[in-house]
């Protein structure tokens, strides 16, 4: 039986969508948004990953496996949808849109 899929966008490839596992997407999205601040200065991707990882369900991300890939996937999709924003900092930081 195939798992449920969800279409995601990529801020770097407008108009292109990809289908990914809906449960993993939803878990990472919830974990990211729970730890991300609203507005600048935001958090780096590494900080978001460190804070979100403990919130991920063990059955979907055993030992945090593949969490980096899923973080990037969800980050690019949420940016494309205008839910989060990147700040012109070095290193890049991200926050929820106010």
PDB file of N, CA and C in Angstrom:
ATOM      1  N   UNK A   1       0.852  -1.188   0.000  1.00  0.00           N
ATOM      2  CA  UNK A   1       0.000   0.000   0.000  1.00  0.00           C
ATOM      3  C   UNK A   1       0.889   1.240   0.000  1.00  0.00           C
ATOM      4  N   UNK A   2       0.656   2.143  -0.917  1.00  0.00           N
ATOM      5  CA  UNK A   2       1.449   3.363  -1.039  1.00  0.00           C
ATOM      6  C   UNK A   2       1.074   4.340   0.072  1.00  0.00           C
ATOM      7  N   UNK A   3       2.086   5.045   0.568  1.00  0.00           N
ATOM      8  CA  UNK A   3       1.810   6.039   1.604  1.00  0.00           C
ATOM      9  C   UNK A   3       1.210   7.284   0.968  1.00  0.00           C
ATOM     10  N   UNK A   4       0.527   8.077   1.771  1.00  0.00           N
ATOM     11  CA  UNK A   4      -0.063   9.310   1.283  1.00  0.00           C
ATOM     12  C   UNK A   4       1.040  10.292   0.917  1.00  0.00           C
ATOM     13  N   UNK A   5       0.812  11.015  -0.155  1.00  0.00           N
ATOM     14  CA  UNK A   5       1.792  11.989  -0.648  1.00  0.00           C
ATOM     15  C   UNK A   5       1.190  13.388  -0.615  1.00  0.00           C
ATOM     16  N   UNK A   6       2.074  14.374  -0.580  1.00  0.00           N
ATOM     17  CA  UNK A   6       1.682  15.776  -0.622  1.00  0.00           C
ATOM     18  C   UNK A   6       2.590  16.468  -1.636  1.00  0.00           C
ATOM     19  N   UNK A   7       2.046  17.436  -2.352  1.00  0.00           N
ATOM     20  CA  UNK A   7       2.858  18.190  -3.308  1.00  0.00           C
ATOM     21  C   UNK A   7       3.529  19.351  -2.598  1.00  0.00           C
ATOM     22  N   UNK A   8       4.826  19.492  -2.845  1.00  0.00           N
ATOM     23  CA  UNK A   8       5.574  20.601  -2.265  1.00  0.00           C
ATOM     24  C   UNK A   8       6.167  21.443  -3.376  1.00  0.00           C
ATOM     25  N   UNK A   9       6.365  22.712  -3.064  1.00  0.00           N
ATOM     26  CA  UNK A   9       6.968  23.652  -4.002  1.00  0.00           C
ATOM     27  C   UNK A   9       8.413  23.898  -3.588  1.00  0.00           C
ATOM     28  N   UNK A  10       9.136  24.575  -4.468  1.00  0.00           N
ATOM     29  CA  UNK A  10      10.520  24.941  -4.175  1.00  0.00           C
ATOM     30  C   UNK A  10      10.688  26.396  -4.576  1.00  0.00           C
ATOM     31  N   UNK A  11      11.056  27.256  -3.633  1.00  0.00           N
ATOM     32  CA  UNK A  11      11.209  28.681  -3.893  1.00  0.00           C
ATOM     33  C   UNK A  11      12.237  28.928  -5.005  1.00  0.00           C
ATOM     34  N   UNK A  12      13.182  27.983  -5.191  1.00  0.00           N
ATOM     35  CA  UNK A  12      14.214  28.141  -6.214  1.00  0.00           C
ATOM     36  C   UNK A  12      13.789  27.645  -7.586  1.00  0.00           C
ATOM     37  N   UNK A  13      12.655  26.935  -7.669  1.00  0.00           N
ATOM     38  CA  UNK A  13      12.134  26.419  -8.937  1.00  0.00           C
ATOM     39  C   UNK A  13      10.642  26.717  -9.038  1.00  0.00           C
ATOM     40  N   UNK A  14      10.281  27.978  -9.271  1.00  0.00           N
ATOM     41  CA  UNK A  14       8.856  28.353  -9.313  1.00  0.00           C
ATOM     42  C   UNK A  14       8.079  27.531 -10.339  1.00  0.00           C
ATOM     43  N   UNK A  15       6.879  27.124  -9.952  1.00  0.00           N
ATOM     44  CA  UNK A  15       6.007  26.378 -10.853  1.00  0.00           C
ATOM     45  C   UNK A  15       6.245  24.879 -10.856  1.00  0.00           C
ATOM     46  N   UNK A  16       7.316  24.418 -10.243  1.00  0.00           N
ATOM     47  CA  UNK A  16       7.618  22.987 -10.207  1.00  0.00           C
ATOM     48  C   UNK A  16       7.215  22.432  -8.853  1.00  0.00           C
ATOM     49  N   UNK A  17       6.540  21.286  -8.866  1.00  0.00           N
ATOM     50  CA  UNK A  17       6.168  20.636  -7.618  1.00  0.00           C
ATOM     51  C   UNK A  17       6.744  19.224  -7.580  1.00  0.00           C
ATOM     52  N   UNK A  18       6.883  18.723  -6.377  1.00  0.00           N
ATOM     53  CA  UNK A  18       7.374  17.372  -6.148  1.00  0.00           C
ATOM     54  C   UNK A  18       6.462  16.726  -5.122  1.00  0.00           C
ATOM     55  N   UNK A  19       6.251  15.425  -5.251  1.00  0.00           N
ATOM     56  CA  UNK A  19       5.404  14.705  -4.298  1.00  0.00           C
ATOM     57  C   UNK A  19       6.280  14.005  -3.271  1.00  0.00           C
ATOM     58  N   UNK A  20       5.961  14.231  -1.995  1.00  0.00           N
ATOM     59  CA  UNK A  20       6.720  13.641  -0.890  1.00  0.00           C
ATOM     60  C   UNK A  20       5.760  13.030   0.132  1.00  0.00           C
ATOM     61  N   UNK A  21       6.298  12.253   1.038  1.00  0.00           N
ATOM     62  CA  UNK A  21       5.516  11.602   2.083  1.00  0.00           C
ATOM     63  C   UNK A  21       4.814  12.644   2.960  1.00  0.00           C
ATOM     64  N   UNK A  22       3.500  12.548   3.042  1.00  0.00           N
ATOM     65  CA  UNK A  22       2.701  13.541   3.769  1.00  0.00           C
ATOM     66  C   UNK A  22       2.938  13.510   5.274  1.00  0.00           C
ATOM     67  N   UNK A  23       3.096  12.331   5.851  1.00  0.00           N
ATOM     68  CA  UNK A  23       3.281  12.234   7.299  1.00  0.00           C
ATOM     69  C   UNK A  23       4.614  12.842   7.728  1.00  0.00           C
ATOM     70  N   UNK A  24       5.677  12.550   6.994  1.00  0.00           N
ATOM     71  CA  UNK A  24       6.988  13.109   7.340  1.00  0.00           C
ATOM     72  C   UNK A  24       6.992  14.621   7.133  1.00  0.00           C
ATOM     73  N   UNK A  25       6.351  15.075   6.045  1.00  0.00           N
ATOM     74  CA  UNK A  25       6.261  16.511   5.791  1.00  0.00           C
ATOM     75  C   UNK A  25       5.537  17.198   6.950  1.00  0.00           C
ATOM     76  N   UNK A  26       4.385  16.668   7.328  1.00  0.00           N
ATOM     77  CA  UNK A  26       3.574  17.287   8.385  1.00  0.00           C
ATOM     78  C   UNK A  26       4.323  17.320   9.715  1.00  0.00           C
ATOM     79  N   UNK A  27       5.035  16.240  10.029  1.00  0.00           N
ATOM     80  CA  UNK A  27       5.785  16.190  11.285  1.00  0.00           C
ATOM     81  C   UNK A  27       6.901  17.228  11.297  1.00  0.00           C
ATOM     82  N   UNK A  28       7.646  17.326  10.199  1.00  0.00           N
ATOM     83  CA  UNK A  28       8.744  18.299  10.136  1.00  0.00           C
ATOM     84  C   UNK A  28       8.190  19.720  10.132  1.00  0.00           C
ATOM     85  N   UNK A  29       7.123  19.962   9.417  1.00  0.00           N
ATOM     86  CA  UNK A  29       6.523  21.301   9.366  1.00  0.00           C
ATOM     87  C   UNK A  29       6.099  21.746  10.768  1.00  0.00           C
ATOM     88  N   UNK A  30       5.418  20.876  11.482  1.00  0.00           N
ATOM     89  CA  UNK A  30       4.968  21.212  12.827  1.00  0.00           C
ATOM     90  C   UNK A  30       6.157  21.477  13.754  1.00  0.00           C
ATOM     91  N   UNK A  31       7.191  20.640  13.664  1.00  0.00           N
ATOM     92  CA  UNK A  31       8.367  20.813  14.521  1.00  0.00           C
ATOM     93  C   UNK A  31       9.084  22.123  14.204  1.00  0.00           C
ATOM     94  N   UNK A  32       9.232  22.425  12.926  1.00  0.00           N
ATOM     95  CA  UNK A  32       9.920  23.661  12.525  1.00  0.00           C
ATOM     96  C   UNK A  32       9.160  24.897  12.996  1.00  0.00           C
ATOM     97  N   UNK A  33       7.878  24.923  12.729  1.00  0.00           N
ATOM     98  CA  UNK A  33       7.099  26.111  13.084  1.00  0.00           C
ATOM     99  C   UNK A  33       6.997  26.288  14.594  1.00  0.00           C
ATOM    100  N   UNK A  34       7.106  25.201  15.339  1.00  0.00           N
ATOM    101  CA  UNK A  34       7.061  25.287  16.801  1.00  0.00           C
ATOM    102  C   UNK A  34       8.311  25.962  17.363  1.00  0.00           C
ATOM    103  N   UNK A  35       9.427  25.867  16.651  1.00  0.00           N
ATOM    104  CA  UNK A  35      10.679  26.406  17.186  1.00  0.00           C
ATOM    105  C   UNK A  35      11.133  27.697  16.514  1.00  0.00           C
ATOM    106  N   UNK A  36      10.546  28.035  15.378  1.00  0.00           N
ATOM    107  CA  UNK A  36      10.988  29.232  14.646  1.00  0.00           C
ATOM    108  C   UNK A  36      10.357  30.504  15.195  1.00  0.00           C
ATOM    109  N   UNK A  37      11.179  31.548  15.371  1.00  0.00           N
ATOM    110  CA  UNK A  37      10.631  32.829  15.841  1.00  0.00           C
ATOM    111  C   UNK A  37       9.901  33.546  14.702  1.00  0.00           C
ATOM    112  N   UNK A  38       9.151  34.564  15.079  1.00  0.00           N
ATOM    113  CA  UNK A  38       8.496  35.428  14.098  1.00  0.00           C
ATOM    114  C   UNK A  38       9.383  36.645  13.907  1.00  0.00           C
ATOM    115  N   UNK A  39       9.776  36.919  12.672  1.00  0.00           N
ATOM    116  CA  UNK A  39      10.590  38.085  12.371  1.00  0.00           C
ATOM    117  C   UNK A  39      12.071  37.886  12.643  1.00  0.00           C
ATOM    118  N   UNK A  40      12.841  38.909  12.234  1.00  0.00           N
ATOM    119  CA  UNK A  40      14.303  38.880  12.357  1.00  0.00           C
ATOM    120  C   UNK A  40      14.698  38.893  13.827  1.00  0.00           C
ATOM    121  N   UNK A  41      15.841  38.372  14.191  1.00  0.00           N
ATOM    122  CA  UNK A  41      16.899  37.883  13.317  1.00  0.00           C
ATOM    123  C   UNK A  41      16.700  36.449  12.846  1.00  0.00           C
ATOM    124  N   UNK A  42      15.811  35.689  13.431  1.00  0.00           N
ATOM    125  CA  UNK A  42      15.569  34.328  12.986  1.00  0.00           C
ATOM    126  C   UNK A  42      16.617  33.353  13.483  1.00  0.00           C
ATOM    127  N   UNK A  43      16.576  32.148  12.922  1.00  0.00           N
ATOM    128  CA  UNK A  43      17.506  31.084  13.289  1.00  0.00           C
ATOM    129  C   UNK A  43      18.170  30.547  12.032  1.00  0.00           C
ATOM    130  N   UNK A  44      19.386  30.021  12.180  1.00  0.00           N
ATOM    131  CA  UNK A  44      20.037  29.360  11.050  1.00  0.00           C
ATOM    132  C   UNK A  44      19.376  27.999  10.844  1.00  0.00           C
ATOM    133  N   UNK A  45      19.631  27.390   9.691  1.00  0.00           N
ATOM    134  CA  UNK A  45      19.088  26.058   9.409  1.00  0.00           C
ATOM    135  C   UNK A  45      19.586  25.058  10.447  1.00  0.00           C
ATOM    136  N   UNK A  46      20.846  25.174  10.850  1.00  0.00           N
ATOM    137  CA  UNK A  46      21.409  24.258  11.852  1.00  0.00           C
ATOM    138  C   UNK A  46      20.699  24.421  13.197  1.00  0.00           C
ATOM    139  N   UNK A  47      20.404  25.661  13.577  1.00  0.00           N
ATOM    140  CA  UNK A  47      19.700  25.905  14.837  1.00  0.00           C
ATOM    141  C   UNK A  47      18.278  25.352  14.784  1.00  0.00           C
ATOM    142  N   UNK A  48      17.616  25.547  13.648  1.00  0.00           N
ATOM    143  CA  UNK A  48      16.254  25.017  13.492  1.00  0.00           C
ATOM    144  C   UNK A  48      16.285  23.499  13.600  1.00  0.00           C
ATOM    145  N   UNK A  49      17.242  22.874  12.924  1.00  0.00           N
ATOM    146  CA  UNK A  49      17.354  21.407  12.958  1.00  0.00           C
ATOM    147  C   UNK A  49      17.592  20.921  14.382  1.00  0.00           C
ATOM    148  N   UNK A  50      18.525  21.547  15.104  1.00  0.00           N
ATOM    149  CA  UNK A  50      18.830  21.134  16.475  1.00  0.00           C
ATOM    150  C   UNK A  50      17.610  21.248  17.384  1.00  0.00           C
ATOM    151  N   UNK A  51      16.821  22.279  17.197  1.00  0.00           N
ATOM    152  CA  UNK A  51      15.653  22.500  18.059  1.00  0.00           C
ATOM    153  C   UNK A  51      14.448  21.670  17.635  1.00  0.00           C
ATOM    154  N   UNK A  52      14.331  21.397  16.330  1.00  0.00           N
ATOM    155  CA  UNK A  52      13.181  20.646  15.818  1.00  0.00           C
ATOM    156  C   UNK A  52      13.340  19.139  15.992  1.00  0.00           C
ATOM    157  N   UNK A  53      14.568  18.653  15.909  1.00  0.00           N
ATOM    158  CA  UNK A  53      14.829  17.211  15.937  1.00  0.00           C
ATOM    159  C   UNK A  53      14.185  16.490  17.133  1.00  0.00           C
ATOM    160  N   UNK A  54      14.296  17.023  18.355  1.00  0.00           N
ATOM    161  CA  UNK A  54      13.672  16.326  19.492  1.00  0.00           C
ATOM    162  C   UNK A  54      12.148  16.259  19.410  1.00  0.00           C
ATOM    163  N   UNK A  55      11.531  17.078  18.581  1.00  0.00           N
ATOM    164  CA  UNK A  55      10.076  17.119  18.453  1.00  0.00           C
ATOM    165  C   UNK A  55       9.557  16.141  17.395  1.00  0.00           C
ATOM    166  N   UNK A  56      10.470  15.518  16.656  1.00  0.00           N
ATOM    167  CA  UNK A  56      10.061  14.614  15.574  1.00  0.00           C
ATOM    168  C   UNK A  56       9.688  13.241  16.126  1.00  0.00           C
ATOM    169  N   UNK A  57       8.634  12.625  15.573  1.00  0.00           N
ATOM    170  CA  UNK A  57       8.243  11.295  16.044  1.00  0.00           C
ATOM    171  C   UNK A  57       9.306  10.248  15.693  1.00  0.00           C
ATOM    172  N   UNK A  58       9.639   9.428  16.659  1.00  0.00           N
ATOM    173  CA  UNK A  58      10.680   8.413  16.489  1.00  0.00           C
ATOM    174  C   UNK A  58      10.319   7.395  15.407  1.00  0.00           C
ATOM    175  N   UNK A  59       9.024   7.095  15.241  1.00  0.00           N
ATOM    176  CA  UNK A  59       8.641   6.100  14.236  1.00  0.00           C
ATOM    177  C   UNK A  59       8.864   6.599  12.811  1.00  0.00           C
ATOM    178  N   UNK A  60       8.806   7.914  12.597  1.00  0.00           N
ATOM    179  CA  UNK A  60       9.039   8.472  11.261  1.00  0.00           C
ATOM    180  C   UNK A  60      10.501   8.853  11.033  1.00  0.00           C
ATOM    181  N   UNK A  61      11.173   9.271  12.093  1.00  0.00           N
ATOM    182  CA  UNK A  61      12.563   9.721  12.008  1.00  0.00           C
ATOM    183  C   UNK A  61      13.402   9.005  13.070  1.00  0.00           C
ATOM    184  N   UNK A  62      13.623   7.686  12.906  1.00  0.00           N
ATOM    185  CA  UNK A  62      14.373   6.956  13.938  1.00  0.00           C
ATOM    186  C   UNK A  62      15.769   7.538  14.146  1.00  0.00           C
ATOM    187  N   UNK A  63      16.021   7.979  15.369  1.00  0.00           N
ATOM    188  CA  UNK A  63      17.319   8.577  15.671  1.00  0.00           C
ATOM    189  C   UNK A  63      17.583   9.872  14.914  1.00  0.00           C
ATOM    190  N   UNK A  64      16.531  10.501  14.411  1.00  0.00           N
ATOM    191  CA  UNK A  64      16.692  11.741  13.648  1.00  0.00           C
ATOM    192  C   UNK A  64      17.087  11.512  12.194  1.00  0.00           C
ATOM    193  N   UNK A  65      17.035  10.253  11.744  1.00  0.00           N
ATOM    194  CA  UNK A  65      17.443   9.913  10.379  1.00  0.00           C
ATOM    195  C   UNK A  65      16.684  10.733   9.347  1.00  0.00           C
ATOM    196  N   UNK A  66      17.380  11.210   8.366  1.00  0.00           N
ATOM    197  CA  UNK A  66      16.894  12.008   7.224  1.00  0.00           C
ATOM    198  C   UNK A  66      16.293  13.348   7.616  1.00  0.00           C
ATOM    199  N   UNK A  67      16.442  13.765   8.862  1.00  0.00           N
ATOM    200  CA  UNK A  67      15.826  15.025   9.283  1.00  0.00           C
ATOM    201  C   UNK A  67      16.410  16.227   8.536  1.00  0.00           C
ATOM    202  N   UNK A  68      17.679  16.168   8.166  1.00  0.00           N
ATOM    203  CA  UNK A  68      18.279  17.274   7.417  1.00  0.00           C
ATOM    204  C   UNK A  68      17.637  17.465   6.052  1.00  0.00           C
ATOM    205  N   UNK A  69      17.406  16.349   5.353  1.00  0.00           N
ATOM    206  CA  UNK A  69      16.767  16.424   4.036  1.00  0.00           C
ATOM    207  C   UNK A  69      15.349  16.974   4.173  1.00  0.00           C
ATOM    208  N   UNK A  70      14.606  16.459   5.143  1.00  0.00           N
ATOM    209  CA  UNK A  70      13.231  16.908   5.337  1.00  0.00           C
ATOM    210  C   UNK A  70      13.164  18.365   5.777  1.00  0.00           C
ATOM    211  N   UNK A  71      14.124  18.807   6.579  1.00  0.00           N
ATOM    212  CA  UNK A  71      14.168  20.210   6.988  1.00  0.00           C
ATOM    213  C   UNK A  71      14.291  21.100   5.748  1.00  0.00           C
ATOM    214  N   UNK A  72      15.198  20.751   4.842  1.00  0.00           N
ATOM    215  CA  UNK A  72      15.405  21.554   3.634  1.00  0.00           C
ATOM    216  C   UNK A  72      14.181  21.513   2.733  1.00  0.00           C
ATOM    217  N   UNK A  73      13.584  20.348   2.581  1.00  0.00           N
ATOM    218  CA  UNK A  73      12.381  20.198   1.760  1.00  0.00           C
ATOM    219  C   UNK A  73      11.256  21.101   2.266  1.00  0.00           C
ATOM    220  N   UNK A  74      10.997  21.038   3.563  1.00  0.00           N
ATOM    221  CA  UNK A  74       9.910  21.828   4.155  1.00  0.00           C
ATOM    222  C   UNK A  74      10.268  23.311   4.139  1.00  0.00           C
ATOM    223  N   UNK A  75      11.523  23.640   4.405  1.00  0.00           N
ATOM    224  CA  UNK A  75      11.955  25.040   4.387  1.00  0.00           C
ATOM    225  C   UNK A  75      11.703  25.667   3.016  1.00  0.00           C
ATOM    226  N   UNK A  76      12.102  24.995   1.942  1.00  0.00           N
ATOM    227  CA  UNK A  76      11.912  25.537   0.598  1.00  0.00           C
ATOM    228  C   UNK A  76      10.430  25.661   0.247  1.00  0.00           C
ATOM    229  N   UNK A  77       9.617  24.692   0.676  1.00  0.00           N
ATOM    230  CA  UNK A  77       8.181  24.736   0.417  1.00  0.00           C
ATOM    231  C   UNK A  77       7.526  25.884   1.186  1.00  0.00           C
ATOM    232  N   UNK A  78       7.857  26.025   2.459  1.00  0.00           N
ATOM    233  CA  UNK A  78       7.251  27.101   3.258  1.00  0.00           C
ATOM    234  C   UNK A  78       7.686  28.479   2.775  1.00  0.00           C
ATOM    235  N   UNK A  79       8.912  28.579   2.279  1.00  0.00           N
ATOM    236  CA  UNK A  79       9.350  29.849   1.680  1.00  0.00           C
ATOM    237  C   UNK A  79       8.527  30.151   0.434  1.00  0.00           C
ATOM    238  N   UNK A  80       8.332  29.154  -0.416  1.00  0.00           N
ATOM    239  CA  UNK A  80       7.561  29.337  -1.648  1.00  0.00           C
ATOM    240  C   UNK A  80       6.123  29.734  -1.352  1.00  0.00           C
ATOM    241  N   UNK A  81       5.589  29.254  -0.245  1.00  0.00           N
ATOM    242  CA  UNK A  81       4.204  29.546   0.137  1.00  0.00           C
ATOM    243  C   UNK A  81       4.080  30.825   0.963  1.00  0.00           C
ATOM    244  N   UNK A  82       5.213  31.456   1.298  1.00  0.00           N
ATOM    245  CA  UNK A  82       5.176  32.705   2.046  1.00  0.00           C
ATOM    246  C   UNK A  82       4.916  32.540   3.534  1.00  0.00           C
ATOM    247  N   UNK A  83       5.146  31.335   4.078  1.00  0.00           N
ATOM    248  CA  UNK A  83       4.924  31.080   5.498  1.00  0.00           C
ATOM    249  C   UNK A  83       6.157  31.466   6.310  1.00  0.00           C
ATOM    250  N   UNK A  84       7.340  31.212   5.732  1.00  0.00           N
ATOM    251  CA  UNK A  84       8.587  31.622   6.369  1.00  0.00           C
ATOM    252  C   UNK A  84       9.375  32.487   5.398  1.00  0.00           C
ATOM    253  N   UNK A  85      10.345  33.185   5.935  1.00  0.00           N
ATOM    254  CA  UNK A  85      11.175  34.062   5.109  1.00  0.00           C
ATOM    255  C   UNK A  85      12.633  33.867   5.451  1.00  0.00           C
ATOM    256  N   UNK A  86      13.498  34.100   4.457  1.00  0.00           N
ATOM    257  CA  UNK A  86      14.936  34.051   4.729  1.00  0.00           C
ATOM    258  C   UNK A  86      15.425  35.478   4.856  1.00  0.00           C
ATOM    259  N   UNK A  87      16.420  35.650   5.695  1.00  0.00           N
ATOM    260  CA  UNK A  87      16.999  36.966   5.919  1.00  0.00           C
ATOM    261  C   UNK A  87      18.379  37.011   5.267  1.00  0.00           C
ATOM    262  N   UNK A  88      18.743  38.163   4.735  1.00  0.00           N
ATOM    263  CA  UNK A  88      20.018  38.332   4.037  1.00  0.00           C
ATOM    264  C   UNK A  88      21.154  38.449   5.038  1.00  0.00           C
ATOM    265  N   UNK A  89      21.411  37.364   5.734  1.00  0.00           N
ATOM    266  CA  UNK A  89      22.478  37.314   6.728  1.00  0.00           C
ATOM    267  C   UNK A  89      23.463  36.225   6.331  1.00  0.00           C
ATOM    268  N   UNK A  90      24.617  36.262   6.944  1.00  0.00           N
ATOM    269  CA  UNK A  90      25.591  35.187   6.740  1.00  0.00           C
ATOM    270  C   UNK A  90      25.938  34.636   8.101  1.00  0.00           C
ATOM    271  N   UNK A  91      25.645  33.394   8.401  1.00  0.00           N
ATOM    272  CA  UNK A  91      24.880  32.462   7.553  1.00  0.00           C
ATOM    273  C   UNK A  91      23.417  32.868   7.452  1.00  0.00           C
ATOM    274  N   UNK A  92      22.718  32.298   6.466  1.00  0.00           N
ATOM    275  CA  UNK A  92      21.304  32.603   6.275  1.00  0.00           C
ATOM    276  C   UNK A  92      20.512  32.273   7.534  1.00  0.00           C
ATOM    277  N   UNK A  93      19.550  33.120   7.841  1.00  0.00           N
ATOM    278  CA  UNK A  93      18.628  32.841   8.935  1.00  0.00           C
ATOM    279  C   UNK A  93      17.210  32.872   8.392  1.00  0.00           C
ATOM    280  N   UNK A  94      16.334  32.209   9.109  1.00  0.00           N
ATOM    281  CA  UNK A  94      14.934  32.062   8.687  1.00  0.00           C
ATOM    282  C   UNK A  94      14.023  32.380   9.863  1.00  0.00           C
ATOM    283  N   UNK A  95      12.831  32.906   9.535  1.00  0.00           N
ATOM    284  CA  UNK A  95      11.834  33.141  10.580  1.00  0.00           C
ATOM    285  C   UNK A  95      10.454  33.018   9.950  1.00  0.00           C
ATOM    286  N   UNK A  96       9.458  32.910  10.810  1.00  0.00           N
ATOM    287  CA  UNK A  96       8.091  32.902  10.317  1.00  0.00           C
ATOM    288  C   UNK A  96       7.733  34.304   9.876  1.00  0.00           C
ATOM    289  N   UNK A  97       6.881  34.405   8.867  1.00  0.00           N
ATOM    290  CA  UNK A  97       6.418  35.705   8.394  1.00  0.00           C
ATOM    291  C   UNK A  97       5.444  36.253   9.430  1.00  0.00           C
ATOM    292  N   UNK A  98       5.580  37.528   9.730  1.00  0.00           N
ATOM    293  CA  UNK A  98       4.704  38.158  10.734  1.00  0.00           C
ATOM    294  C   UNK A  98       3.334  38.415  10.171  1.00  0.00           C
TER     295      UNK A  98
END
